């Protein structure tokens, strides 16, 4: 059975949702790390893991930003063909 391919608009919305979700999660976790360090908490394993997950959130958002750029290139190519 053939699989349905998402439209450019669907791909754009999907990428934007993932970018915003990754950024919100990364910013919140980054804030948690900074707030804990400012309060004098030691930079132990738990806080290191939180910082690593925040960095992963930024990486996640950056990955889907690349996908959004690919969608924009495809939209421009489709507009130039018309």
Protein backbone atom coordinates (compact mmCIF):
# COMPACT_ATOMS: atom_id res chain seq x y z
CA UNK A 1 0.00 0.00 0.00
CA UNK A 2 1.53 3.38 -0.95
CA UNK A 3 2.27 5.82 1.83
CA UNK A 4 0.83 9.31 1.69
CA UNK A 5 3.42 12.06 1.50
CA UNK A 6 2.76 15.19 3.54
CA UNK A 7 2.24 18.47 1.73
CA UNK A 8 4.76 21.30 2.03
CA UNK A 9 2.44 23.16 4.38
CA UNK A 10 2.11 20.10 6.64
CA UNK A 11 5.88 19.65 6.68
CA UNK A 12 6.33 23.34 7.52
CA UNK A 13 3.87 23.20 10.43
CA UNK A 14 5.46 19.99 11.71
CA UNK A 15 8.95 21.53 11.60
CA UNK A 16 7.81 24.77 13.27
CA UNK A 17 6.10 22.83 16.04
CA UNK A 18 9.22 20.80 16.70
CA UNK A 19 11.46 23.90 16.59
CA UNK A 20 9.30 25.78 19.07
CA UNK A 21 8.98 22.75 21.34
CA UNK A 22 12.73 22.18 21.35
CA UNK A 23 13.46 25.82 22.06
CA UNK A 24 10.92 26.08 24.88
CA UNK A 25 12.24 22.93 26.54
CA UNK A 26 15.88 23.99 26.12
CA UNK A 27 15.27 27.51 27.42
CA UNK A 28 13.36 26.25 30.43
CA UNK A 29 15.97 23.65 31.32
CA UNK A 30 18.74 26.20 30.78
CA UNK A 31 16.94 28.52 33.17
CA UNK A 32 16.69 25.71 35.73
CA UNK A 33 20.44 25.10 35.52
CA UNK A 34 21.32 28.78 35.85
CA UNK A 35 18.85 29.35 38.68
CA UNK A 36 20.20 26.37 40.62
CA UNK A 37 23.79 27.49 40.13
CA UNK A 38 22.89 31.03 41.19
CA UNK A 39 21.24 29.63 44.33
CA UNK A 40 24.49 27.87 45.22
CA UNK A 41 23.60 24.31 44.26
CA UNK A 42 26.59 22.15 43.34
CA UNK A 43 27.04 21.21 39.70
CA UNK A 44 26.45 17.53 40.39
CA UNK A 45 25.26 14.70 38.14
CA UNK A 46 21.63 15.76 38.16
CA UNK A 47 22.41 19.33 37.13
CA UNK A 48 24.90 18.11 34.52
CA UNK A 49 22.22 15.84 33.05
CA UNK A 50 19.76 18.75 33.00
CA UNK A 51 22.32 20.90 31.17
CA UNK A 52 22.96 18.07 28.69
CA UNK A 53 19.24 17.69 27.99
CA UNK A 54 18.99 21.47 27.49
CA UNK A 55 21.83 21.29 24.96
CA UNK A 56 20.06 18.38 23.26
CA UNK A 57 16.92 20.52 23.05
CA UNK A 58 18.86 23.22 21.21
CA UNK A 59 20.28 20.57 18.89
CA UNK A 60 16.79 19.18 18.28
CA UNK A 61 15.51 22.64 17.34
CA UNK A 62 18.51 23.22 15.05
CA UNK A 63 17.94 19.89 13.28
CA UNK A 64 14.35 20.77 12.46
CA UNK A 65 15.41 24.26 11.43
CA UNK A 66 17.39 22.52 8.70
CA UNK A 67 14.24 20.65 7.71
CA UNK A 68 12.32 23.94 7.59
CA UNK A 69 15.01 25.39 5.32
CA UNK A 70 14.61 22.41 2.98
CA UNK A 71 10.86 23.04 2.83
CA UNK A 72 11.49 26.71 2.03
CA UNK A 73 13.86 25.71 -0.80
CA UNK A 74 11.22 23.36 -2.20
CA UNK A 75 8.58 26.11 -2.00
CA UNK A 76 10.87 28.54 -3.87
CA UNK A 77 11.61 25.91 -6.50
CA UNK A 78 7.90 25.23 -6.95
CA UNK A 79 7.17 28.96 -7.24
CA UNK A 80 9.92 29.43 -9.84
CA UNK A 81 8.49 26.61 -11.99
CA UNK A 82 5.10 28.30 -12.19
